[in-house]
Amino acid sequence: MKYLLPLLLFIALSVFLAIGLKLNPRDIPSPLLDKPAPAFNLPILATPSQSLSQADLKGKVWLLNVWASWCVSCREEHPLLIELAKQNRVMLVGLNYKDELQAANLWLSKQGNPYNVSVMDSDGRTGIDYGVYGVPETFVIDKRGVIRYKHTGPVQAGDLEKIFLPMIEQLQAESA
């Protein structure tokens, strides 16, 4: 009988551990899903004297990809973003996160630039507003400016085919 309580505790902890091991660590819930994308007005990386706001993108389905030149995982997903840009299926907006202007521009010139436009979030405040935990992160935003999906970590080919492209097609088919 004195071993019964420790045994029950062990079984309960084992069940919780087994459940936890089946969870995907990339599926970090976002309180922003199905809510309007946070407002921003940021300088455009290629032309810092001009700016872009989320309001400029209303009426379009767009992906917001949070990236940085110092981000190793961003390098992993970058060729996939280049291929996505060649397909011209969705507007791809880069949010250059806590980076130096020269380093970001140099990185894009060497790696290729998949973005229709990339904006600078030098102090990281916009990233905080979007609930960014780290880079890369990618958001799907609908025509009304509502966040419909958040992907944490580098986008993989399977993610693109199974999640992003079907969602993009569905959202583009919906009226604004």
N, C-alpha and C. Protein backbone atom coordinates (compact mmCIF):
# COMPACT_ATOMS: atom_id res chain seq x y z
N MET A 1 0.81 -1.19 0.00
CA MET A 1 0.00 0.00 0.00
C MET A 1 0.86 1.26 0.00
N LYS A 2 2.03 1.21 0.71
CA LYS A 2 2.86 2.40 0.76
C LYS A 2 3.51 2.70 -0.60
N TYR A 3 3.53 1.71 -1.51
CA TYR A 3 4.07 1.92 -2.85
C TYR A 3 3.01 2.34 -3.86
N LEU A 4 1.76 2.28 -3.47
CA LEU A 4 0.68 2.57 -4.39
C LEU A 4 0.67 4.06 -4.81
N LEU A 5 0.80 4.97 -3.88
CA LEU A 5 0.79 6.40 -4.20
C LEU A 5 1.96 6.79 -5.11
N PRO A 6 3.20 6.38 -4.80
CA PRO A 6 4.29 6.71 -5.72
C PRO A 6 4.09 6.08 -7.11
N LEU A 7 3.54 4.88 -7.16
CA LEU A 7 3.29 4.23 -8.43
C LEU A 7 2.25 5.01 -9.25
N LEU A 8 1.18 5.46 -8.61
CA LEU A 8 0.15 6.24 -9.30
C LEU A 8 0.71 7.58 -9.79
N LEU A 9 1.53 8.21 -8.97
CA LEU A 9 2.18 9.46 -9.38
C LEU A 9 3.09 9.23 -10.58
N PHE A 10 3.84 8.14 -10.55
CA PHE A 10 4.73 7.82 -11.66
C PHE A 10 3.94 7.59 -12.94
N ILE A 11 2.85 6.87 -12.86
CA ILE A 11 2.00 6.60 -14.03
C ILE A 11 1.42 7.91 -14.57
N ALA A 12 0.94 8.76 -13.69
CA ALA A 12 0.36 10.04 -14.12
C ALA A 12 1.41 10.91 -14.81
N LEU A 13 2.60 11.00 -14.24
CA LEU A 13 3.67 11.78 -14.86
C LEU A 13 4.08 11.19 -16.19
N SER A 14 4.10 9.87 -16.30
CA SER A 14 4.44 9.20 -17.56
C SER A 14 3.43 9.53 -18.65
N VAL A 15 2.15 9.57 -18.28
CA VAL A 15 1.10 9.90 -19.25
C VAL A 15 1.28 11.34 -19.74
N PHE A 16 1.52 12.28 -18.83
CA PHE A 16 1.73 13.68 -19.24
C PHE A 16 2.98 13.82 -20.10
N LEU A 17 4.04 13.11 -19.77
CA LEU A 17 5.26 13.15 -20.57
C LEU A 17 5.00 12.61 -21.97
N ALA A 18 4.29 11.50 -22.07
CA ALA A 18 3.97 10.92 -23.38
C ALA A 18 3.14 11.88 -24.22
N ILE A 19 2.19 12.54 -23.63
CA ILE A 19 1.37 13.52 -24.35
C ILE A 19 2.25 14.69 -24.81
N GLY A 20 3.10 15.17 -23.93
CA GLY A 20 3.98 16.29 -24.26
C GLY A 20 4.95 15.97 -25.38
N LEU A 21 5.43 14.74 -25.44
CA LEU A 21 6.37 14.36 -26.49
C LEU A 21 5.72 14.31 -27.87
N LYS A 22 4.41 14.19 -27.92
CA LYS A 22 3.71 14.15 -29.20
C LYS A 22 3.37 15.54 -29.72
N LEU A 23 3.56 16.58 -28.92
CA LEU A 23 3.26 17.95 -29.34
C LEU A 23 4.37 18.48 -30.23
N ASN A 24 4.02 19.31 -31.18
CA ASN A 24 4.99 19.93 -32.07
C ASN A 24 5.44 21.25 -31.44
N PRO A 25 6.73 21.40 -31.13
CA PRO A 25 7.20 22.64 -30.49
C PRO A 25 7.04 23.87 -31.38
N ARG A 26 6.85 23.68 -32.69
CA ARG A 26 6.64 24.82 -33.59
C ARG A 26 5.22 25.35 -33.51
N ASP A 27 4.33 24.58 -32.94
CA ASP A 27 2.94 25.01 -32.83
C ASP A 27 2.73 25.86 -31.58
N ILE A 28 3.40 26.99 -31.56
CA ILE A 28 3.26 27.90 -30.44
C ILE A 28 1.99 28.70 -30.68
N PRO A 29 1.03 28.61 -29.79
CA PRO A 29 -0.23 29.32 -30.03
C PRO A 29 -0.01 30.83 -30.04
N SER A 30 -0.77 31.49 -30.87
CA SER A 30 -0.68 32.95 -30.95
C SER A 30 -2.03 33.54 -30.58
N PRO A 31 -2.05 34.47 -29.64
CA PRO A 31 -3.31 35.14 -29.30
C PRO A 31 -3.79 36.06 -30.42
N LEU A 32 -2.96 36.28 -31.44
CA LEU A 32 -3.32 37.19 -32.52
C LEU A 32 -4.08 36.52 -33.66
N LEU A 33 -4.17 35.18 -33.64
CA LEU A 33 -4.89 34.50 -34.71
C LEU A 33 -6.33 34.97 -34.78
N ASP A 34 -6.77 35.21 -36.00
CA ASP A 34 -8.12 35.69 -36.30
C ASP A 34 -8.40 37.07 -35.72
N LYS A 35 -7.32 37.84 -35.51
CA LYS A 35 -7.44 39.23 -35.06
C LYS A 35 -6.69 40.12 -36.06
N PRO A 36 -7.04 41.40 -36.11
CA PRO A 36 -6.35 42.30 -37.04
C PRO A 36 -4.84 42.34 -36.77
N ALA A 37 -4.08 42.37 -37.85
CA ALA A 37 -2.62 42.47 -37.73
C ALA A 37 -2.28 43.79 -37.05
N PRO A 38 -1.32 43.76 -36.13
CA PRO A 38 -0.93 45.01 -35.47
C PRO A 38 -0.46 46.07 -36.46
N ALA A 39 -0.76 47.30 -36.14
CA ALA A 39 -0.39 48.42 -37.00
C ALA A 39 1.13 48.61 -36.99
N PHE A 40 1.65 48.99 -38.13
CA PHE A 40 3.05 49.38 -38.22
C PHE A 40 3.19 50.40 -39.34
N ASN A 41 4.23 51.18 -39.27
CA ASN A 41 4.62 52.10 -40.32
C ASN A 41 6.13 52.15 -40.26
N LEU A 42 6.77 51.36 -41.13
CA LEU A 42 8.21 51.15 -41.03
C LEU A 42 8.92 51.53 -42.32
N PRO A 43 10.20 51.93 -42.20
CA PRO A 43 10.97 52.27 -43.40
C PRO A 43 11.20 51.03 -44.26
N ILE A 44 11.14 51.23 -45.57
CA ILE A 44 11.41 50.16 -46.51
C ILE A 44 12.92 49.95 -46.58
N LEU A 45 13.35 48.71 -46.50
CA LEU A 45 14.78 48.37 -46.45
C LEU A 45 15.54 48.93 -47.64
N ALA A 46 15.01 48.76 -48.84
CA ALA A 46 15.72 49.20 -50.05
C ALA A 46 15.72 50.72 -50.20
N THR A 47 14.69 51.39 -49.67
CA THR A 47 14.57 52.84 -49.77
C THR A 47 14.08 53.38 -48.43
N PRO A 48 14.99 53.52 -47.44
CA PRO A 48 14.59 53.91 -46.09
C PRO A 48 13.87 55.24 -45.98
N SER A 49 13.93 56.08 -47.01
CA SER A 49 13.20 57.35 -46.95
C SER A 49 11.70 57.14 -47.18
N GLN A 50 11.33 55.96 -47.67
CA GLN A 50 9.92 55.62 -47.87
C GLN A 50 9.50 54.62 -46.80
N SER A 51 8.19 54.56 -46.54
CA SER A 51 7.71 53.63 -45.52
C SER A 51 6.54 52.81 -46.04
N LEU A 52 6.23 51.77 -45.32
CA LEU A 52 5.12 50.88 -45.63
C LEU A 52 4.37 50.62 -44.33
N SER A 53 3.05 50.57 -44.44
CA SER A 53 2.24 50.23 -43.27
C SER A 53 1.38 49.02 -43.61
N GLN A 54 0.85 48.38 -42.59
CA GLN A 54 -0.03 47.24 -42.84
C GLN A 54 -1.29 47.70 -43.56
N ALA A 55 -1.68 48.95 -43.38
CA ALA A 55 -2.86 49.50 -44.07
C ALA A 55 -2.65 49.53 -45.59
N ASP A 56 -1.39 49.69 -46.03
CA ASP A 56 -1.08 49.70 -47.46
C ASP A 56 -1.35 48.34 -48.11
N LEU A 57 -1.46 47.32 -47.29
CA LEU A 57 -1.61 45.96 -47.82
C LEU A 57 -3.03 45.44 -47.77
N LYS A 58 -3.96 46.25 -47.26
CA LYS A 58 -5.36 45.81 -47.20
C LYS A 58 -5.86 45.51 -48.60
N GLY A 59 -6.69 44.49 -48.70
CA GLY A 59 -7.22 44.06 -49.99
C GLY A 59 -6.35 43.01 -50.65
N LYS A 60 -5.21 42.67 -50.02
CA LYS A 60 -4.29 41.65 -50.56
C LYS A 60 -4.07 40.57 -49.50
N VAL A 61 -3.93 39.34 -49.96
CA VAL A 61 -3.44 38.28 -49.08
C VAL A 61 -1.92 38.40 -49.12
N TRP A 62 -1.27 38.37 -47.96
CA TRP A 62 0.17 38.52 -47.91
C TRP A 62 0.79 37.69 -46.81
N LEU A 63 2.03 37.33 -47.03
CA LEU A 63 2.82 36.64 -46.02
C LEU A 63 3.78 37.65 -45.41
N LEU A 64 3.86 37.64 -44.10
CA LEU A 64 4.85 38.45 -43.40
C LEU A 64 5.90 37.48 -42.89
N ASN A 65 7.10 37.58 -43.44
CA ASN A 65 8.20 36.70 -43.05
C ASN A 65 9.19 37.51 -42.23
N VAL A 66 9.36 37.13 -40.98
CA VAL A 66 10.29 37.82 -40.07
C VAL A 66 11.66 37.17 -40.24
N TRP A 67 12.67 37.98 -40.60
CA TRP A 67 14.00 37.46 -40.91
C TRP A 67 15.08 38.43 -40.44
N ALA A 68 16.32 37.95 -40.45
CA ALA A 68 17.47 38.79 -40.12
C ALA A 68 18.71 38.21 -40.77
N SER A 69 19.68 39.05 -41.05
CA SER A 69 20.92 38.58 -41.67
C SER A 69 21.73 37.70 -40.72
N TRP A 70 21.56 37.89 -39.43
CA TRP A 70 22.30 37.11 -38.43
C TRP A 70 21.61 35.79 -38.10
N CYS A 71 20.46 35.51 -38.69
CA CYS A 71 19.65 34.34 -38.38
C CYS A 71 20.08 33.13 -39.22
N VAL A 72 20.61 32.11 -38.57
CA VAL A 72 21.05 30.90 -39.25
C VAL A 72 19.87 30.15 -39.86
N SER A 73 18.76 30.04 -39.15
CA SER A 73 17.58 29.33 -39.66
C SER A 73 16.95 30.04 -40.84
N CYS A 74 17.12 31.36 -40.92
CA CYS A 74 16.59 32.11 -42.06
C CYS A 74 17.29 31.67 -43.35
N ARG A 75 18.56 31.36 -43.23
CA ARG A 75 19.33 30.89 -44.38
C ARG A 75 18.77 29.55 -44.88
N GLU A 76 18.28 28.74 -43.95
CA GLU A 76 17.71 27.43 -44.29
C GLU A 76 16.44 27.58 -45.13
N GLU A 77 15.55 28.50 -44.77
CA GLU A 77 14.28 28.64 -45.47
C GLU A 77 14.37 29.54 -46.70
N HIS A 78 15.43 30.31 -46.82
CA HIS A 78 15.53 31.33 -47.87
C HIS A 78 15.38 30.78 -49.30
N PRO A 79 16.02 29.67 -49.68
CA PRO A 79 15.82 29.15 -51.04
C PRO A 79 14.35 28.83 -51.34
N LEU A 80 13.63 28.37 -50.35
CA LEU A 80 12.21 28.08 -50.53
C LEU A 80 11.41 29.36 -50.76
N LEU A 81 11.77 30.43 -50.06
CA LEU A 81 11.11 31.72 -50.26
C LEU A 81 11.42 32.27 -51.66
N ILE A 82 12.64 32.05 -52.13
CA ILE A 82 13.02 32.48 -53.49
C ILE A 82 12.13 31.76 -54.51
N GLU A 83 11.95 30.45 -54.32
CA GLU A 83 11.10 29.68 -55.24
C GLU A 83 9.65 30.14 -55.17
N LEU A 84 9.16 30.42 -53.96
CA LEU A 84 7.80 30.92 -53.79
C LEU A 84 7.62 32.25 -54.52
N ALA A 85 8.61 33.12 -54.41
CA ALA A 85 8.53 34.43 -55.07
C ALA A 85 8.47 34.27 -56.59
N LYS A 86 9.20 33.31 -57.13
CA LYS A 86 9.18 33.08 -58.58
C LYS A 86 7.79 32.67 -59.06
N GLN A 87 7.02 32.00 -58.21
CA GLN A 87 5.68 31.55 -58.58
C GLN A 87 4.69 32.72 -58.60
N ASN A 88 5.02 33.80 -57.91
CA ASN A 88 4.18 35.01 -57.87
C ASN A 88 2.73 34.70 -57.45
N ARG A 89 2.58 33.85 -56.43
CA ARG A 89 1.25 33.44 -55.97
C ARG A 89 0.74 34.28 -54.81
N VAL A 90 1.64 34.98 -54.13
CA VAL A 90 1.25 35.76 -52.97
C VAL A 90 2.27 36.88 -52.76
N MET A 91 1.82 37.97 -52.18
CA MET A 91 2.73 39.05 -51.85
C MET A 91 3.55 38.64 -50.63
N LEU A 92 4.86 38.74 -50.77
CA LEU A 92 5.76 38.34 -49.70
C LEU A 92 6.41 39.59 -49.12
N VAL A 93 6.09 39.87 -47.85
CA VAL A 93 6.61 41.04 -47.16
C VAL A 93 7.61 40.57 -46.11
N GLY A 94 8.80 41.12 -46.17
CA GLY A 94 9.82 40.79 -45.18
C GLY A 94 9.79 41.79 -44.04
N LEU A 95 9.98 41.29 -42.83
CA LEU A 95 10.14 42.16 -41.66
C LEU A 95 11.55 41.89 -41.15
N ASN A 96 12.48 42.76 -41.53
CA ASN A 96 13.87 42.61 -41.11
C ASN A 96 13.96 42.99 -39.64
N TYR A 97 14.29 42.01 -38.79
CA TYR A 97 14.14 42.10 -37.35
C TYR A 97 15.47 42.35 -36.64
N LYS A 98 15.55 43.50 -35.95
CA LYS A 98 16.72 43.84 -35.12
C LYS A 98 18.03 43.64 -35.87
N ASP A 99 18.12 44.27 -37.02
CA ASP A 99 19.27 44.07 -37.90
C ASP A 99 19.86 45.42 -38.30
N GLU A 100 21.03 45.38 -38.86
CA GLU A 100 21.68 46.58 -39.39
C GLU A 100 21.29 46.74 -40.86
N LEU A 101 21.04 47.94 -41.29
CA LEU A 101 20.64 48.23 -42.67
C LEU A 101 21.63 47.64 -43.68
N GLN A 102 22.92 47.91 -43.49
CA GLN A 102 23.92 47.44 -44.43
C GLN A 102 24.00 45.92 -44.44
N ALA A 103 23.95 45.30 -43.28
CA ALA A 103 24.03 43.84 -43.20
C ALA A 103 22.84 43.18 -43.88
N ALA A 104 21.66 43.75 -43.69
CA ALA A 104 20.44 43.19 -44.29
C ALA A 104 20.49 43.32 -45.81
N ASN A 105 20.87 44.48 -46.32
CA ASN A 105 20.96 44.68 -47.77
C ASN A 105 22.03 43.78 -48.40
N LEU A 106 23.16 43.64 -47.73
CA LEU A 106 24.23 42.78 -48.22
C LEU A 106 23.76 41.32 -48.27
N TRP A 107 23.07 40.89 -47.22
CA TRP A 107 22.57 39.52 -47.15
C TRP A 107 21.61 39.24 -48.31
N LEU A 108 20.69 40.17 -48.56
CA LEU A 108 19.75 39.97 -49.66
C LEU A 108 20.44 40.01 -51.02
N SER A 109 21.47 40.83 -51.16
CA SER A 109 22.17 40.88 -52.45
C SER A 109 22.93 39.58 -52.70
N LYS A 110 23.43 38.95 -51.65
CA LYS A 110 24.16 37.68 -51.80
C LYS A 110 23.21 36.48 -51.92
N GLN A 111 22.17 36.46 -51.10
CA GLN A 111 21.27 35.30 -51.03
C GLN A 111 20.14 35.37 -52.06
N GLY A 112 19.86 36.56 -52.57
CA GLY A 112 18.71 36.78 -53.43
C GLY A 112 17.59 37.39 -52.60
N ASN A 113 16.75 38.18 -53.27
CA ASN A 113 15.68 38.87 -52.55
C ASN A 113 14.32 38.35 -52.98
N PRO A 114 13.66 37.54 -52.13
CA PRO A 114 12.36 37.00 -52.49
C PRO A 114 11.20 37.95 -52.22
N TYR A 115 11.47 39.03 -51.50
CA TYR A 115 10.39 39.88 -50.99
C TYR A 115 9.90 40.89 -52.02
N ASN A 116 8.59 41.07 -52.08
CA ASN A 116 8.05 42.17 -52.86
C ASN A 116 8.49 43.48 -52.22
N VAL A 117 8.55 43.47 -50.90
CA VAL A 117 9.04 44.60 -50.12
C VAL A 117 9.48 44.07 -48.76
N SER A 118 10.53 44.68 -48.23
CA SER A 118 10.98 44.31 -46.89
C SER A 118 11.13 45.60 -46.09
N VAL A 119 10.63 45.56 -44.86
CA VAL A 119 10.69 46.73 -43.99
C VAL A 119 11.64 46.46 -42.83
N MET A 120 12.13 47.53 -42.23
CA MET A 120 13.11 47.43 -41.14
C MET A 120 12.44 47.61 -39.78
N ASP A 121 12.62 46.63 -38.94
CA ASP A 121 12.17 46.70 -37.55
C ASP A 121 13.42 46.71 -36.67
N SER A 122 14.16 47.81 -36.75
CA SER A 122 15.46 47.90 -36.10
C SER A 122 15.41 47.70 -34.59
N ASP A 123 14.40 48.23 -33.94
CA ASP A 123 14.32 48.11 -32.48
C ASP A 123 13.49 46.91 -32.02
N GLY A 124 12.86 46.22 -32.94
CA GLY A 124 12.11 45.01 -32.60
C GLY A 124 10.72 45.25 -32.05
N ARG A 125 10.26 46.48 -32.01
CA ARG A 125 8.94 46.77 -31.43
C ARG A 125 7.80 46.17 -32.24
N THR A 126 7.90 46.21 -33.55
CA THR A 126 6.85 45.62 -34.38
C THR A 126 6.82 44.11 -34.18
N GLY A 127 8.00 43.51 -34.12
CA GLY A 127 8.08 42.08 -33.85
C GLY A 127 7.41 41.72 -32.53
N ILE A 128 7.61 42.53 -31.53
CA ILE A 128 6.97 42.31 -30.22
C ILE A 128 5.45 42.40 -30.37
N ASP A 129 4.98 43.40 -31.14
CA ASP A 129 3.54 43.54 -31.36
C ASP A 129 2.94 42.31 -32.04
N TYR A 130 3.72 41.67 -32.90
CA TYR A 130 3.26 40.47 -33.59
C TYR A 130 3.49 39.19 -32.78
N GLY A 131 4.08 39.33 -31.60
CA GLY A 131 4.31 38.16 -30.75
C GLY A 131 5.45 37.29 -31.23
N VAL A 132 6.44 37.89 -31.87
CA VAL A 132 7.57 37.13 -32.39
C VAL A 132 8.42 36.62 -31.23
N TYR A 133 8.65 35.30 -31.24
CA TYR A 133 9.50 34.66 -30.23
C TYR A 133 10.94 34.61 -30.70
N GLY A 134 11.14 34.52 -31.99
CA GLY A 134 12.46 34.42 -32.58
C GLY A 134 12.30 34.40 -34.09
N VAL A 135 13.41 34.44 -34.80
CA VAL A 135 13.34 34.42 -36.26
C VAL A 135 13.83 33.07 -36.76
N PRO A 136 13.31 32.60 -37.85
CA PRO A 136 12.24 33.16 -38.65
C PRO A 136 10.86 32.80 -38.12
N GLU A 137 9.91 33.63 -38.42
CA GLU A 137 8.49 33.37 -38.20
C GLU A 137 7.75 33.91 -39.42
N THR A 138 6.65 33.26 -39.78
CA THR A 138 5.91 33.66 -40.97
C THR A 138 4.42 33.69 -40.64
N PHE A 139 3.77 34.76 -41.05
CA PHE A 139 2.35 34.97 -40.80
C PHE A 139 1.61 35.01 -42.13
N VAL A 140 0.41 34.42 -42.17
CA VAL A 140 -0.49 34.56 -43.31
C VAL A 140 -1.54 35.59 -42.90
N ILE A 141 -1.69 36.64 -43.72
CA ILE A 141 -2.61 37.73 -43.40
C ILE A 141 -3.59 37.87 -44.57
N ASP A 142 -4.88 37.91 -44.25
CA ASP A 142 -5.91 37.93 -45.30
C ASP A 142 -6.16 39.33 -45.83
N LYS A 143 -7.10 39.45 -46.77
CA LYS A 143 -7.40 40.70 -47.45
C LYS A 143 -7.91 41.79 -46.51
N ARG A 144 -8.50 41.37 -45.39
CA ARG A 144 -9.02 42.35 -44.42
C ARG A 144 -7.96 42.77 -43.41
N GLY A 145 -6.75 42.18 -43.53
CA GLY A 145 -5.68 42.50 -42.59
C GLY A 145 -5.74 41.68 -41.32
N VAL A 146 -6.36 40.50 -41.38
CA VAL A 146 -6.50 39.63 -40.22
C VAL A 146 -5.46 38.51 -40.30
N ILE A 147 -4.77 38.26 -39.19
CA ILE A 147 -3.80 37.17 -39.13
C ILE A 147 -4.54 35.84 -39.11
N ARG A 148 -4.26 35.01 -40.08
CA ARG A 148 -4.95 33.72 -40.20
C ARG A 148 -4.09 32.54 -39.79
N TYR A 149 -2.75 32.72 -39.81
CA TYR A 149 -1.86 31.60 -39.46
C TYR A 149 -0.51 32.16 -39.04
N LYS A 150 0.13 31.47 -38.10
CA LYS A 150 1.48 31.83 -37.67
C LYS A 150 2.33 30.57 -37.68
N HIS A 151 3.48 30.66 -38.32
CA HIS A 151 4.42 29.54 -38.39
C HIS A 151 5.71 29.97 -37.70
N THR A 152 6.11 29.21 -36.72
CA THR A 152 7.34 29.49 -36.00
C THR A 152 8.45 28.59 -36.52
N GLY A 153 9.62 29.18 -36.80
CA GLY A 153 10.74 28.41 -37.33
C GLY A 153 10.77 28.49 -38.84
N PRO A 154 11.80 27.86 -39.44
CA PRO A 154 11.92 27.93 -40.89
C PRO A 154 10.80 27.18 -41.60
N VAL A 155 10.30 27.78 -42.66
CA VAL A 155 9.27 27.14 -43.48
C VAL A 155 9.94 26.02 -44.27
N GLN A 156 9.33 24.86 -44.26
CA GLN A 156 9.82 23.70 -45.01
C GLN A 156 8.93 23.51 -46.24
N ALA A 157 9.41 22.75 -47.21
CA ALA A 157 8.64 22.50 -48.44
C ALA A 157 7.28 21.88 -48.12
N GLY A 158 7.24 20.95 -47.17
CA GLY A 158 5.97 20.32 -46.78
C GLY A 158 5.00 21.32 -46.19
N ASP A 159 5.51 22.27 -45.41
CA ASP A 159 4.66 23.32 -44.84
C ASP A 159 4.05 24.16 -45.95
N LEU A 160 4.86 24.47 -46.93
CA LEU A 160 4.40 25.29 -48.03
C LEU A 160 3.28 24.58 -48.80
N GLU A 161 3.49 23.32 -49.12
CA GLU A 161 2.53 22.57 -49.92
C GLU A 161 1.26 22.22 -49.15
N LYS A 162 1.40 21.87 -47.87
CA LYS A 162 0.25 21.38 -47.10
C LYS A 162 -0.51 22.47 -46.37
N ILE A 163 0.16 23.55 -46.00
CA ILE A 163 -0.47 24.58 -45.18
C ILE A 163 -0.60 25.91 -45.93
N PHE A 164 0.54 26.47 -46.30
CA PHE A 164 0.55 27.83 -46.83
C PHE A 164 -0.20 27.97 -48.15
N LEU A 165 0.17 27.20 -49.16
CA LEU A 165 -0.43 27.40 -50.48
C LEU A 165 -1.93 27.12 -50.49
N PRO A 166 -2.42 26.04 -49.87
CA PRO A 166 -3.88 25.86 -49.83
C PRO A 166 -4.59 27.01 -49.12
N MET A 167 -4.01 27.49 -48.02
CA MET A 167 -4.63 28.59 -47.28
C MET A 167 -4.62 29.86 -48.11
N ILE A 168 -3.53 30.13 -48.78
CA ILE A 168 -3.42 31.32 -49.62
C ILE A 168 -4.46 31.29 -50.73
N GLU A 169 -4.58 30.14 -51.39
CA GLU A 169 -5.56 30.02 -52.47
C GLU A 169 -6.98 30.24 -51.95
N GLN A 170 -7.28 29.67 -50.79
CA GLN A 170 -8.62 29.84 -50.21
C GLN A 170 -8.87 31.30 -49.87
N LEU A 171 -7.91 31.95 -49.25
CA LEU A 171 -8.08 33.35 -48.84
C LEU A 171 -8.17 34.27 -50.06
N GLN A 172 -7.43 33.98 -51.10
CA GLN A 172 -7.49 34.82 -52.30
C GLN A 172 -8.83 34.67 -53.01
N ALA A 173 -9.44 33.49 -52.87
CA ALA A 173 -10.75 33.25 -53.51
C ALA A 173 -11.88 33.97 -52.78
N GLU A 174 -11.67 34.24 -51.48
CA GLU A 174 -12.70 34.93 -50.69
C GLU A 174 -12.77 36.39 -51.10
N SER A 175 -13.96 36.96 -51.02
CA SER A 175 -14.06 38.39 -51.32
C SER A 175 -13.59 39.20 -50.12
N ALA A 176 -13.11 40.37 -50.38
CA ALA A 176 -12.51 41.21 -49.33
C ALA A 176 -13.53 41.70 -48.33
